[in-house]
Amino acid sequence: MKDILKIDQTIKPFNKKIEIEGDKSLSIRWALLASQATGKSISYNLLKSEDVISTLNCLKKLGVKVKNFKNRCEIIGLGLNGFKYKKNLILNCGNSGTLGRLILGLLVHSKSKIKITGDRSLSKRDFTRITEPLKKFGAKFKTNSGKLPIIIEGTNKAVPIKYNENKGSAQCKSSVMLAALNTKGQTKIKAKKSRNHTELLFKYLNLPIKINKKKKFDIIKISGPGNLRPLNYKIPSDISSSAFFMVLTILSKNSKLLIKKVNINQSRVGILKIFRLMNIKFKTKNIMNYKGELVADLQIKSQSRINPINCPNNINSSSIDEFLLIFLLAAKAKGISYFKNLAELNEKESPRLQWGSRILSQMGVKNITTKDSIKIYGNPDLKITKKIIIKNFLKDHRVFMTCVIAALTFGGKWEIFDKSSIKTSFPSFLTKIQELGLKL
C-alpha cells in the first residue's frame, strides 16, 4: 500500500483535552546524559519516535544497557568516558540531527575510529558546524565534504577550548558542552541565544557549569571533568508537537482544546510570542517548575481575526521548528506578514523555507521568498477547492504534518506522500487527530 494520506474534508468543531508525547529534545538529551551517569536512570513519557529509538540503539552499540518497558525506559550508565568501543563500529543516527551532532561530543575520547551515518535527509545536512569546534578538543574527522558519513577518531589528550557559536544552534552548543564535560580544564562558549535544555539539565545535575546571560548571547563556562549522578525524569510534552494542534484549533471553526503538561521552556516558546503578536488568544494554566523546566497546560480556541506580523528576528531561534505552521497563520491573516533571517530553516530535514513557499503557492497564497526571508499576503477568506499533491520533501515530518493541518482547515483535496515520516518525531500524530473526532 502506498505511503500516502488522502484528505478531502475539513475538521468539524471540537472541544477536547489531549496529552502529547514527550519532548524529543529532552528525550534524546536524557538518554545521552543517562549513558554518562554511573548507575540506573529511569524516564517516563519518553518519546517512542524513530529519532529516540536511533539514540537508544547507538547507545547499545557503545555498550550501554537499555531496558524498555511499557511506561518507562531504564538506562544503566557507564560513567564519563565509559563507552565500550569495538573495532569498525558504525552508529546509524537515522534522521536525527540532534543525535548525530550531540553524540559526536561524547565521542571525542573514543579509543578507536567510529563511523557515523544517517538517512538520505540527514546525509544532506552540514556537520562542519560541529566537527570544526570538536577538532579543537583534539578529535580527528574524515567527512564527506562536511556531511555524513563521518569517521571520528578520539584523543586521550583532549584540551579545553574557546568556542563562538553564532548560528543560534542548540545542537552545536550542546555537543561542545558534552565534550567539555569530559575534558580537564575550563571550556568557554559564547553562544547566540537558542534553546537551553542542556544547560538546565547540567544545572539540575549539579554539573560544573556557569552561565552569564547577555542580551543577545550567553557566556557558558564548563569546568571538566564532571561527575554525573543518575537522572530520573518524566519527560514533559513537546511544545513543537503541541503546536500542530494549537494551530489546528486556531484555524478551525467553533473549537476549543486543552493540552496537558506541555514544556514551555522560554527558549522554546517563540510560537506563543508570535501568537500574541498576531492577536491570537490562549491561556497557560497550572504552571510549575519541573527540574528546571517550566511545564503548563495550554488552552486555545478558534480565532476569528488573525493580525499580520513583521516577525522580530529575536524570536526566530525559539520558534525555528514551528515556522511552517506560522506561515499557515499568516496565510489566514488580514494583511501582509514578513519573516526574515530564516536561512537556518533550510538547514533542517528539508529546505523548509523553500517548502513553506511551495505549500503556500499550491494553496493559492501569494508569497515572495528569498534565500532567507518570506513575505506572505494573507487572505482571511481563504478556502481551497482544488486538488493538491505534496511529495518529494525528503520525508520531512514537519512538512507532512503541516500539510495535514492545512488540509483539515482550508479544505481542498490533498494527497500527502510519506505518511510514515511522522515516526521520526510524532508517531501518534494521526491518532491524536482522530481523538478530536475526525476519521482518517
Protein backbone atom coordinates (compact mmCIF):
# COMPACT_ATOMS: atom_id res chain seq x y z
CA MET A 1 0.00 0.00 0.00
CA LYS A 2 1.33 3.44 -0.92
CA ASP A 3 2.55 5.65 1.91
CA ILE A 4 0.03 8.41 1.11
CA LEU A 5 -2.63 10.19 3.16
CA LYS A 6 -5.67 11.49 1.26
CA ILE A 7 -7.80 14.21 2.85
CA ASP A 8 -10.90 15.74 1.25
CA GLN A 9 -12.76 17.05 4.31
CA THR A 10 -12.28 19.75 6.93
CA ILE A 11 -12.44 19.01 10.64
CA LYS A 12 -15.72 19.56 12.48
CA PRO A 13 -15.97 21.67 15.66
CA PHE A 14 -14.45 20.01 18.76
CA ASN A 15 -13.97 20.66 22.47
CA LYS A 16 -11.32 18.27 23.81
CA LYS A 17 -8.49 17.63 26.26
CA ILE A 18 -5.43 15.77 24.97
CA GLU A 19 -1.94 14.79 26.08
CA ILE A 20 1.00 14.88 23.69
CA GLU A 21 4.02 12.58 23.66
CA GLY A 22 7.28 13.51 25.39
CA ASP A 23 9.56 16.30 24.17
CA LYS A 24 12.01 14.96 21.56
CA SER A 25 14.87 17.28 22.53
CA LEU A 26 14.60 16.27 26.17
CA SER A 27 14.13 12.57 25.37
CA ILE A 28 17.40 12.45 23.41
CA ARG A 29 19.30 14.55 25.95
CA TRP A 30 18.06 12.41 28.84
CA ALA A 31 19.28 9.24 27.13
CA LEU A 32 22.73 10.67 26.30
CA LEU A 33 23.27 12.08 29.79
CA ALA A 34 21.97 8.88 31.42
CA SER A 35 24.60 6.94 29.45
CA GLN A 36 27.30 9.09 31.10
CA ALA A 37 25.97 8.67 34.64
CA THR A 38 27.08 5.92 36.97
CA GLY A 39 24.09 3.69 37.73
CA LYS A 40 20.44 3.39 36.71
CA SER A 41 18.43 6.31 35.27
CA ILE A 42 14.69 5.99 34.63
CA SER A 43 12.50 8.08 32.32
CA TYR A 44 8.74 8.21 31.95
CA ASN A 45 6.82 9.53 28.90
CA LEU A 46 9.94 9.06 26.79
CA LEU A 47 9.07 9.80 23.17
CA LYS A 48 8.94 6.50 21.27
CA SER A 49 9.87 8.01 17.91
CA GLU A 50 12.44 6.78 15.39
CA ASP A 51 14.87 9.55 16.42
CA VAL A 52 14.79 8.44 20.06
CA ILE A 53 14.95 4.75 19.12
CA SER A 54 18.03 5.54 16.99
CA THR A 55 19.56 7.18 20.08
CA LEU A 56 18.94 4.12 22.24
CA ASN A 57 20.29 1.80 19.55
CA CYS A 58 23.50 3.83 19.23
CA LEU A 59 24.00 3.72 22.99
CA LYS A 60 23.52 -0.06 22.99
CA LYS A 61 26.25 -0.36 20.36
CA LEU A 62 28.51 1.60 22.72
CA GLY A 63 27.95 -0.96 25.48
CA VAL A 64 25.18 0.83 27.40
CA LYS A 65 22.39 -1.35 28.82
CA VAL A 66 18.93 -0.11 27.84
CA LYS A 67 15.65 -1.62 29.01
CA ASN A 68 12.33 -0.51 27.53
CA PHE A 69 9.08 -1.14 29.36
CA LYS A 70 5.51 -0.10 28.55
CA ASN A 71 5.57 3.01 30.76
CA ARG A 72 9.27 3.68 31.32
CA CYS A 73 12.80 3.32 29.98
CA GLU A 74 15.84 2.37 32.07
CA ILE A 75 19.48 3.08 31.18
CA ILE A 76 22.42 1.69 33.14
CA GLY A 77 25.07 4.36 32.68
CA LEU A 78 28.76 3.57 32.30
CA GLY A 79 30.09 6.87 33.67
CA LEU A 80 32.04 9.55 31.80
CA ASN A 81 34.15 8.08 29.02
CA GLY A 82 32.76 4.65 29.90
CA PHE A 83 31.67 3.66 26.41
CA LYS A 84 32.95 0.31 25.13
CA TYR A 85 34.47 0.78 21.71
CA LYS A 86 34.54 -2.08 19.20
CA LYS A 87 36.54 -2.06 16.00
CA ASN A 88 34.76 -1.00 12.82
CA LEU A 89 31.87 0.42 14.85
CA ILE A 90 29.11 2.13 12.84
CA LEU A 91 26.47 4.30 14.54
CA ASN A 92 23.38 4.97 12.43
CA CYS A 93 21.67 8.20 13.54
CA GLY A 94 18.73 7.78 11.16
CA ASN A 95 17.01 11.12 10.61
CA SER A 96 18.14 12.76 13.86
CA GLY A 97 20.37 15.82 13.62
CA THR A 98 20.20 16.20 17.40
CA LEU A 99 21.59 12.69 17.90
CA GLY A 100 24.15 12.96 15.10
CA ARG A 101 25.66 16.18 16.41
CA LEU A 102 25.36 15.64 20.16
CA ILE A 103 26.80 12.14 20.21
CA LEU A 104 29.95 13.41 18.48
CA GLY A 105 30.59 15.48 21.59
CA LEU A 106 30.57 12.30 23.68
CA LEU A 107 32.99 10.57 21.31
CA VAL A 108 35.95 12.99 21.45
CA HIS A 109 37.68 10.44 23.72
CA SER A 110 36.88 7.37 21.59
CA LYS A 111 39.66 4.82 21.64
CA SER A 112 39.08 3.73 18.04
CA LYS A 113 37.62 5.09 14.82
CA ILE A 114 33.82 5.28 14.71
CA LYS A 115 31.71 5.82 11.62
CA ILE A 116 28.59 7.99 11.93
CA THR A 117 25.89 7.51 9.28
CA GLY A 118 22.31 8.67 8.73
CA ASP A 119 19.43 8.53 6.31
CA ARG A 120 19.25 10.38 2.99
CA SER A 121 17.88 13.55 4.59
CA LEU A 122 20.41 13.72 7.45
CA SER A 123 23.24 12.99 4.99
CA LYS A 124 22.47 16.26 3.20
CA ARG A 125 22.91 18.37 6.33
CA ASP A 126 26.00 20.34 7.36
CA PHE A 127 28.23 18.81 10.04
CA THR A 128 31.22 21.13 9.71
CA ARG A 129 29.46 23.40 12.20
CA ILE A 130 30.24 20.78 14.87
CA THR A 131 33.33 18.96 13.55
CA GLU A 132 35.31 22.23 13.45
CA PRO A 133 34.94 23.07 17.18
CA LEU A 134 35.38 19.41 18.19
CA LYS A 135 38.68 19.33 16.29
CA LYS A 136 39.95 21.94 18.74
CA PHE A 137 39.48 19.43 21.59
CA GLY A 138 41.84 17.10 19.69
CA ALA A 139 39.43 14.78 17.86
CA LYS A 140 40.09 13.95 14.19
CA PHE A 141 37.44 13.73 11.49
CA LYS A 142 37.10 12.36 7.99
CA THR A 143 33.93 13.66 6.35
CA ASN A 144 32.09 13.57 3.04
CA SER A 145 32.63 17.25 2.14
CA GLY A 146 31.43 18.21 5.61
CA LYS A 147 28.47 15.83 5.54
CA LEU A 148 27.76 12.24 6.58
CA PRO A 149 29.18 9.67 6.67
CA ILE A 150 31.74 10.92 9.19
CA ILE A 151 34.58 8.99 10.77
CA ILE A 152 35.68 10.30 14.17
CA GLU A 153 38.90 9.34 15.91
CA GLY A 154 39.09 10.50 19.50
CA THR A 155 42.03 11.64 21.58
CA ASN A 156 43.33 10.79 25.05
CA LYS A 157 44.79 14.29 25.34
CA ALA A 158 41.68 16.46 24.98
CA VAL A 159 42.16 20.13 25.79
CA PRO A 160 39.54 22.74 26.77
CA ILE A 161 38.57 25.26 24.10
CA LYS A 162 37.02 28.66 23.46
CA TYR A 163 34.08 28.45 21.07
CA ASN A 164 31.94 31.13 19.47
CA GLU A 165 28.55 29.65 18.47
CA ASN A 166 27.00 32.27 16.19
CA LYS A 167 24.24 30.35 14.40
CA GLY A 168 21.83 30.01 17.31
CA SER A 169 22.14 26.21 17.12
CA ALA A 170 21.41 24.39 20.37
CA GLN A 171 22.77 21.21 18.79
CA CYS A 172 26.23 22.70 18.21
CA LYS A 173 26.31 24.33 21.64
CA SER A 174 25.21 21.12 23.38
CA SER A 175 27.74 18.95 21.56
CA VAL A 176 30.59 21.19 22.72
CA MET A 177 29.14 21.20 26.25
CA LEU A 178 29.12 17.38 26.32
CA ALA A 179 32.71 17.28 25.08
CA ALA A 180 33.73 19.88 27.69
CA LEU A 181 32.15 17.85 30.47
CA ASN A 182 34.66 15.08 29.79
CA THR A 183 37.70 17.34 29.30
CA LYS A 184 40.02 18.55 32.03
CA GLY A 185 40.06 22.35 32.37
CA GLN A 186 37.59 25.13 31.58
CA THR A 187 35.84 25.39 28.21
CA LYS A 188 34.29 28.76 27.41
CA ILE A 189 31.36 29.06 24.98
CA LYS A 190 29.93 32.32 23.66
CA ALA A 191 26.57 31.18 22.31
CA LYS A 192 23.90 33.02 20.37
CA LYS A 193 20.53 32.60 22.10
CA SER A 194 18.96 29.17 21.45
CA ARG A 195 17.05 26.51 23.36
CA ASN A 196 18.71 25.79 26.72
CA HIS A 197 17.61 22.28 27.71
CA THR A 198 21.21 21.08 28.07
CA GLU A 199 22.13 23.96 30.38
CA LEU A 200 19.09 23.31 32.59
CA LEU A 201 19.89 19.61 32.84
CA PHE A 202 23.53 20.40 33.69
CA LYS A 203 22.35 22.74 36.46
CA TYR A 204 19.85 20.24 37.85
CA LEU A 205 22.57 17.57 37.96
CA ASN A 206 24.94 19.99 39.74
CA LEU A 207 27.48 19.73 36.96
CA PRO A 208 30.33 22.30 36.81
CA ILE A 209 28.62 24.96 34.70
CA LYS A 210 28.44 28.76 34.99
CA ILE A 211 26.21 30.88 32.76
CA ASN A 212 26.37 34.65 32.27
CA LYS A 213 23.34 35.80 30.26
CA LYS A 214 23.73 38.79 27.96
CA LYS A 215 21.07 40.39 25.76
CA LYS A 216 21.96 38.57 22.53
CA PHE A 217 24.18 35.72 23.71
CA ASP A 218 25.20 33.65 26.73
CA ILE A 219 28.68 33.02 28.12
CA ILE A 220 28.85 29.39 29.26
CA LYS A 221 31.82 28.07 31.23
CA ILE A 222 32.22 24.36 31.94
CA SER A 223 35.00 23.04 34.16
CA GLY A 224 35.54 19.37 33.45
CA PRO A 225 35.60 16.59 34.08
CA GLY A 226 32.20 16.44 35.76
CA ASN A 227 30.56 13.61 37.64
CA LEU A 228 27.05 12.58 36.62
CA ARG A 229 24.55 11.10 39.01
CA PRO A 230 21.62 9.07 37.63
CA LEU A 231 18.70 11.10 36.30
CA ASN A 232 15.10 10.03 36.88
CA TYR A 233 12.91 12.14 34.64
CA LYS A 234 9.30 12.41 33.49
CA ILE A 235 9.57 13.97 30.04
CA PRO A 236 7.12 16.89 29.60
CA SER A 237 5.01 17.02 26.43
CA ASP A 238 6.65 18.51 23.33
CA ILE A 239 5.61 22.08 22.51
CA SER A 240 6.65 21.61 18.86
CA SER A 241 4.23 18.69 18.57
CA SER A 242 1.57 20.54 20.58
CA ALA A 243 1.85 23.48 18.16
CA PHE A 244 0.25 21.45 15.36
CA PHE A 245 -2.90 21.01 17.44
CA MET A 246 -2.91 24.61 18.63
CA VAL A 247 -2.79 25.86 15.05
CA LEU A 248 -5.41 23.29 14.01
CA THR A 249 -7.71 24.71 16.71
CA ILE A 250 -6.98 28.34 15.81
CA LEU A 251 -7.84 27.77 12.14
CA SER A 252 -10.88 25.55 12.81
CA LYS A 253 -14.43 26.75 13.47
CA ASN A 254 -16.01 26.89 16.95
CA SER A 255 -13.38 24.68 18.58
CA LYS A 256 -11.58 24.54 21.93
CA LEU A 257 -8.59 22.50 23.07
CA LEU A 258 -6.67 21.91 26.31
CA ILE A 259 -3.23 20.28 26.03
CA LYS A 260 -1.88 18.91 29.32
CA LYS A 261 1.60 19.29 30.82
CA VAL A 262 3.47 20.93 27.93
CA ASN A 263 7.10 22.05 28.19
CA ILE A 264 7.01 25.86 27.96
CA ASN A 265 10.75 26.42 28.33
CA GLN A 266 11.26 30.11 27.48
CA SER A 267 13.84 29.25 24.82
CA ARG A 268 11.16 27.22 23.00
CA VAL A 269 8.02 29.37 23.20
CA GLY A 270 8.64 31.68 20.26
CA ILE A 271 5.39 30.45 18.73
CA LEU A 272 3.46 31.63 21.80
CA LYS A 273 5.07 35.06 21.47
CA ILE A 274 4.10 35.10 17.81
CA PHE A 275 0.52 34.16 18.77
CA ARG A 276 0.34 37.28 20.93
CA LEU A 277 1.75 39.48 18.17
CA MET A 278 -0.87 38.09 15.77
CA ASN A 279 -3.74 38.76 18.21
CA ILE A 280 -4.23 35.04 18.92
CA LYS A 281 -5.58 34.43 22.43
CA PHE A 282 -4.52 31.48 24.59
CA LYS A 283 -4.09 30.65 28.28
CA THR A 284 -1.37 28.91 30.28
CA LYS A 285 -2.67 27.08 33.35
CA ASN A 286 -1.15 25.12 36.25
CA ILE A 287 2.38 26.40 35.60
CA MET A 288 5.08 24.53 37.53
CA ASN A 289 8.86 24.18 37.56
CA TYR A 290 9.93 20.60 36.93
CA LYS A 291 13.65 20.02 37.40
CA GLY A 292 14.45 23.36 35.80
CA GLU A 293 11.88 23.17 33.00
CA LEU A 294 8.61 25.14 33.02
CA VAL A 295 5.54 22.97 32.40
CA ALA A 296 1.93 24.12 31.92
CA ASP A 297 -1.46 23.23 30.47
CA LEU A 298 -2.20 25.19 27.28
CA GLN A 299 -5.76 26.25 26.43
CA ILE A 300 -6.63 27.59 22.97
CA LYS A 301 -9.75 28.21 20.88
CA SER A 302 -10.74 29.16 17.34
CA GLN A 303 -9.83 32.70 16.29
CA SER A 304 -11.99 34.88 14.05
CA ARG A 305 -9.32 37.50 13.38
CA ILE A 306 -5.58 36.99 12.89
CA ASN A 307 -3.30 40.00 12.54
CA PRO A 308 -0.35 40.02 10.11
CA ILE A 309 3.13 40.15 11.63
CA ASN A 310 6.54 41.64 10.87
CA CYS A 311 8.26 38.90 12.85
CA PRO A 312 11.11 40.13 15.10
CA ASN A 313 14.43 38.39 14.41
CA ASN A 314 14.99 37.66 18.09
CA ILE A 315 12.07 35.19 18.08
CA ASN A 316 13.46 33.05 15.24
CA SER A 317 15.60 30.61 17.22
CA SER A 318 12.87 29.89 19.77
CA SER A 319 10.30 29.09 17.06
CA ILE A 320 12.50 27.54 14.36
CA ASP A 321 10.59 24.23 14.30
CA GLU A 322 7.18 25.90 14.09
CA PHE A 323 7.60 28.32 11.18
CA LEU A 324 5.77 26.17 8.64
CA LEU A 325 2.73 26.31 10.92
CA ILE A 326 3.19 30.04 11.49
CA PHE A 327 3.14 30.51 7.72
CA LEU A 328 -0.36 28.93 7.70
CA LEU A 329 -1.50 31.51 10.25
CA ALA A 330 -0.03 34.27 8.08
CA ALA A 331 -1.97 32.87 5.11
CA LYS A 332 -5.20 33.50 7.06
CA ALA A 333 -4.18 36.92 8.40
CA LYS A 334 -5.67 40.17 7.14
CA GLY A 335 -2.62 41.80 5.58
CA ILE A 336 1.00 41.09 4.68
CA SER A 337 3.33 39.18 7.04
CA TYR A 338 7.11 39.30 6.77
CA PHE A 339 9.67 36.85 8.15
CA LYS A 340 13.41 37.39 7.70
CA ASN A 341 16.82 35.96 8.69
CA LEU A 342 15.49 32.42 8.29
CA ALA A 343 18.45 30.81 6.49
CA GLU A 344 18.68 28.28 9.35
CA LEU A 345 15.25 26.97 8.31
CA ASN A 346 16.85 25.49 5.19
CA GLU A 347 19.34 23.53 7.33
CA LYS A 348 16.59 21.27 8.69
CA GLU A 349 15.39 17.86 7.44
CA SER A 350 14.37 19.56 4.20
CA PRO A 351 14.89 23.13 2.93
CA ARG A 352 11.83 24.22 4.92
CA LEU A 353 11.75 27.84 3.84
CA GLN A 354 11.51 26.68 0.23
CA TRP A 355 8.87 24.13 1.16
CA GLY A 356 6.85 26.71 3.07
CA SER A 357 6.75 28.80 -0.10
CA ARG A 358 5.77 25.82 -2.26
CA ILE A 359 2.93 24.79 0.04
CA LEU A 360 1.56 28.33 0.18
CA SER A 361 1.79 28.68 -3.60
CA GLN A 362 -0.12 25.44 -4.13
CA MET A 363 -2.75 26.73 -1.70
CA GLY A 364 -3.13 29.86 -3.82
CA VAL A 365 -1.43 32.16 -1.30
CA LYS A 366 0.81 34.82 -2.83
CA ASN A 367 4.29 34.88 -1.31
CA ILE A 368 7.70 36.30 -2.18
CA THR A 369 10.69 34.29 -0.98
CA THR A 370 14.44 34.94 -0.90
CA LYS A 371 17.19 32.68 0.41
CA ASP A 372 16.43 33.77 3.98
CA SER A 373 13.07 35.58 4.02
CA ILE A 374 9.43 35.23 3.04
CA LYS A 375 6.63 37.74 2.59
CA ILE A 376 3.11 36.27 2.82
CA TYR A 377 0.00 38.01 1.51
CA GLY A 378 -2.77 36.81 3.82
CA ASN A 379 -6.41 36.15 2.91
CA PRO A 380 -8.90 35.81 5.82
CA ASP A 381 -11.44 34.26 3.41
CA LEU A 382 -9.07 31.63 2.03
CA LYS A 383 -10.81 28.41 1.02
CA ILE A 384 -9.29 25.71 -1.15
CA THR A 385 -11.36 23.63 -3.57
CA LYS A 386 -8.69 22.23 -5.91
CA LYS A 387 -6.52 19.13 -5.71
CA ILE A 388 -3.09 19.50 -4.08
CA ILE A 389 -0.31 16.89 -4.18
CA ILE A 390 2.68 17.18 -1.83
CA LYS A 391 5.64 14.83 -2.37
CA ASN A 392 9.44 14.61 -2.68
CA PHE A 393 10.06 16.60 0.52
CA LEU A 394 12.83 14.31 1.84
CA LYS A 395 10.33 12.68 4.21
CA ASP A 396 10.38 15.78 6.43
CA HIS A 397 7.87 15.02 9.17
CA ARG A 398 7.03 18.70 9.74
CA VAL A 399 6.21 19.26 6.06
CA PHE A 400 3.84 16.28 6.17
CA MET A 401 2.10 17.34 9.39
CA THR A 402 1.81 20.99 8.31
CA CYS A 403 0.05 19.88 5.12
CA VAL A 404 -2.37 17.78 7.15
CA ILE A 405 -3.28 20.83 9.25
CA ALA A 406 -3.73 22.93 6.08
CA ALA A 407 -5.96 20.29 4.50
CA LEU A 408 -8.17 19.97 7.59
CA THR A 409 -8.69 23.72 7.94
CA PHE A 410 -8.56 25.29 4.46
CA GLY A 411 -10.22 22.49 2.50
CA GLY A 412 -9.33 21.03 -0.89
CA LYS A 413 -8.47 17.52 -1.99
CA TRP A 414 -5.00 16.68 -0.73
CA GLU A 415 -2.66 13.79 -1.42
CA ILE A 416 0.26 13.97 1.02
CA PHE A 417 3.06 11.47 0.49
CA ASP A 418 5.38 9.85 3.07
CA LYS A 419 2.84 9.38 5.84
CA SER A 420 5.39 7.24 7.73
CA SER A 421 7.63 10.31 8.15
CA ILE A 422 5.79 11.13 11.39
CA LYS A 423 7.55 8.19 13.04
CA THR A 424 10.71 10.29 13.38
CA SER A 425 9.18 12.74 15.86
CA PHE A 426 5.45 12.26 16.49
CA PRO A 427 4.24 8.69 15.86
CA SER A 428 0.80 9.28 17.38
CA PHE A 429 0.07 12.44 15.32
CA LEU A 430 -2.74 10.94 13.23
CA THR A 431 -4.14 9.05 16.22
CA LYS A 432 -4.39 12.33 18.14
CA ILE A 433 -6.25 13.94 15.24
CA GLN A 434 -8.74 11.09 15.33
CA GLU A 435 -9.21 11.74 19.06
CA LEU A 436 -10.63 15.10 18.01
CA GLY A 437 -13.42 13.30 16.16
CA LEU A 438 -12.09 13.04 12.61
CA LYS A 439 -11.97 9.69 10.83
CA LEU A 440 -8.97 9.49 8.51
